[in-house]
Amino acid sequence: MSGPVLPTVVRRFRRRVCSTAPALPGSASDVAAFLSTRGGDYDLATVEVAIADANVCFSLRNFQQASVFYGVAYSLLRFCPTEHFYPAQAHDLLLRKGMCHSQQGDSSLALNAVEAALDIVPCAPGALSFKGYMLLRNGDLDAGLACIRRAVASDPSLLIVEQVMIAVWWHTQGYLDKAIATASAIIVSCGSCTPVGRMAALHIRAESRKFHHSGTLIDQAASDFMELVALRPPEVIASRCGRGLAGSNISVVDEWLSLLHPSFSELCPRPAVFYPCARKRALDIVSLAVSFVGVMRRRVAVRKRLGTVHQTALLLRDRAVALDSRWNCLELMTRPTSLPERDHASVRQPSPRSTWLASSVCRSCSSRPWPATQRTCDQCEVCVEREVEVAFGNHVHASHSTGAVWLA
């Protein structure tokens, strides 16, 4: 690909990605209010200011204002020049906006935001797991589990998120026995369970035992709460223990979700320059070159393997031909000879026993059969001497290796 053609292809790809970025309904008024109060334009500098304000509000747990700033940053980024649009940054903005809506208890807006994030970066593990959580909160068990399992297939570290979400769903739907069993299974698997996952499972099991309809698990729930407090959970979670995980207290699950995996807490939206693969022209060229080198190395490795397989097949074929020829020679030499009845008196015909003795393999080298007319082996200095005498039905075979004589 020539030099002038590559930037054209990259610009077309960026224009296509930017044009497919979905619009957020109701964000125009927020953008106008932000630009009128903070100033700026549709450029990266204004986007970075909006992202910084949104991250500060999110850390202060002002989720309503944070969702507004994340929406403003995404809308400004969407209308930036095409060479400044980075899909991963837009995905992170929408995912964090969905988490803000979930903390406020609005699962429909959160689901819309995460679906928009998946439209930009399909099959992102973090967005898929969060979408599955939103579907579980809405009561759609099959679709929610399907999304979470797709995320686990891409990122196995999300397995603890899947297990905790299933336990939470059993609790919120009133199946407290199943919630206790699932949380206990998470606690037992300490090898693959993170400390945060163990604390989340203890919290779910304690809440399920406390609100169990039998009323006989209060002491066990108290022991679970004491163990949870000994592990020192975050203050925002410790202050809300004992209130259940359904209804208005469902936001506690969002707190656990943000702690279970780095994609919900540490990987917050940031300026494009801090992303490792921000789309710059030089990085585009380098990525294409690296991809080309990788493809060529793969092809060379495949060709080497095919050549080795071909050589092995040829060697096996030659060995098979040699074995067939030896087998045919053996069959030919061991085949009995038959003469007409009128020649029996005048021709001394060896018996099948003598023919087998004369055509057997040399005992010194045992490498190949030798014809009955050849009395010595070419492959060794000392060979087995054989004498076959056919006289009136008597056959004598003498061998110097054993020194024995057989009479037939």
Foldseek 3Di string as FASTA:
>chain_A
DDDVVVVVVVLVVLVVLLVQQDADPPLPVLLVVCCVVVNDALELVSLQVLQVVLVVCVVVVVLVVNLNSLNNSLVSLSPHRSLQRFLVLSLLSLQSSLLSCVLVVNLVSSLVSLVSSCSSPPLALVSLQVNLLSCLLVPNNVSSLVSNVSSCVVPVLCPLVSLLSVLLSCQQVVVLVVSLVSLVVQCVPPVSHDPLSVLSSLLSNLLSLCPPPVNPSPVVSVVSLVVSVVSPDDPVLNVPGPPGCDDNNVSSVSVSVLVSDCSNDVPHRHRLVPDPQRDDPVSSVVVVVVVVVVVVVVVVVVVVVVVVVVVVVVVVVVVVVVVVVQVVLVVVQLDADDDDPVCPVPDQGDDSVLSCVQFAAWPPPRDGTDHSVDQDDPVDDDTWGFDFDGDPNWTWTATPVVRDIDID
